[in-house]
């Protein structure tokens, strides 16, 4: 996977493929505001949101595939035969 580093000014765009456009809206106190135009079929998330979603999915899979404890034996039913 490649990595491209760009410098952009307010109002300039970055095009990805034929249907994704990122527009730089401006900067304020060290933060950059961007607009992302993409097809509805494409998920666009902030990095921290994506990490949270992935962690939630991994936890759900872990719970689904963790063996459940057996049903406890009722009290008094553990007597030995012949005693």
Protein backbone atom coordinates (compact mmCIF):
# COMPACT_ATOMS: atom_id res chain seq x y z
CA UNK A 1 0.00 0.00 0.00
CA UNK A 2 1.37 3.39 -0.94
CA UNK A 3 1.39 6.65 0.97
CA UNK A 4 1.01 10.11 -0.57
CA UNK A 5 1.66 13.29 1.42
CA UNK A 6 0.16 16.50 0.00
CA UNK A 7 -0.01 20.16 0.94
CA UNK A 8 -3.35 21.80 0.14
CA UNK A 9 -4.82 25.25 0.62
CA UNK A 10 -8.37 26.15 1.59
CA UNK A 11 -10.76 25.32 -1.25
CA UNK A 12 -8.39 22.88 -2.95
CA UNK A 13 -9.42 19.29 -3.57
CA UNK A 14 -7.92 15.82 -3.50
CA UNK A 15 -9.54 13.29 -5.84
CA UNK A 16 -9.42 9.56 -5.15
CA UNK A 17 -10.52 7.41 -8.03
CA UNK A 18 -13.43 8.78 -10.03
CA UNK A 19 -15.98 9.20 -7.23
CA UNK A 20 -14.24 10.42 -4.03
CA UNK A 21 -13.39 14.09 -3.51
CA UNK A 22 -11.82 15.59 -0.39
CA UNK A 23 -12.06 19.38 -0.14
CA UNK A 24 -10.01 21.41 2.33
CA UNK A 25 -12.41 23.82 4.06
CA UNK A 26 -9.90 25.56 6.31
CA UNK A 27 -7.78 25.39 9.44
CA UNK A 28 -8.34 26.67 12.95
CA UNK A 29 -6.03 26.26 15.96
CA UNK A 30 -4.05 23.44 14.37
CA UNK A 31 -7.10 21.49 13.15
CA UNK A 32 -7.99 20.96 9.51
CA UNK A 33 -11.63 20.92 8.38
CA UNK A 34 -12.33 18.74 5.36
CA UNK A 35 -15.37 17.78 3.32
CA UNK A 36 -15.48 14.23 1.95
CA UNK A 37 -17.79 13.44 -0.95
CA UNK A 38 -18.11 9.70 -1.54
CA UNK A 39 -20.72 7.19 -2.71
CA UNK A 40 -23.30 6.15 -0.09
CA UNK A 41 -22.05 2.57 -0.43
CA UNK A 42 -18.64 3.59 0.96
CA UNK A 43 -18.17 3.89 4.75
CA UNK A 44 -16.33 7.03 5.80
CA UNK A 45 -15.32 7.14 9.49
CA UNK A 46 -12.82 9.01 11.63
CA UNK A 47 -9.89 6.80 12.67
CA UNK A 48 -10.89 6.59 16.35
CA UNK A 49 -14.47 5.61 15.41
CA UNK A 50 -13.20 2.87 13.10
CA UNK A 51 -10.91 1.48 15.82
CA UNK A 52 -13.83 1.40 18.29
CA UNK A 53 -16.08 -0.39 15.79
CA UNK A 54 -13.36 -2.97 15.07
CA UNK A 55 -12.79 -3.55 18.80
CA UNK A 56 -16.54 -4.04 19.31
CA UNK A 57 -16.71 -6.57 16.46
CA UNK A 58 -13.69 -8.46 17.82
CA UNK A 59 -15.25 -8.58 21.30
CA UNK A 60 -18.56 -9.86 19.89
CA UNK A 61 -16.74 -12.63 17.99
CA UNK A 62 -14.74 -13.52 21.09
CA UNK A 63 -17.93 -13.83 23.17
CA UNK A 64 -19.68 -15.85 20.45
CA UNK A 65 -16.82 -18.36 20.19
CA UNK A 66 -15.93 -18.67 23.89
CA UNK A 67 -17.17 -22.00 25.28
CA UNK A 68 -19.93 -21.59 27.84
CA UNK A 69 -19.65 -23.43 31.19
CA UNK A 70 -21.66 -26.65 31.51
CA UNK A 71 -24.91 -26.70 33.45
CA UNK A 72 -24.15 -27.15 37.16
CA UNK A 73 -25.05 -30.51 38.70
CA UNK A 74 -28.00 -30.21 41.06
CA UNK A 75 -27.22 -30.53 44.78
CA UNK A 76 -27.43 -34.08 46.05
CA UNK A 77 -27.18 -35.71 42.64
CA UNK A 78 -23.50 -36.48 42.96
CA UNK A 79 -23.91 -39.58 45.14
CA UNK A 80 -21.90 -42.62 44.10
CA UNK A 81 -23.52 -45.83 43.03
CA UNK A 82 -23.28 -48.66 45.49
CA UNK A 83 -22.57 -46.55 48.57
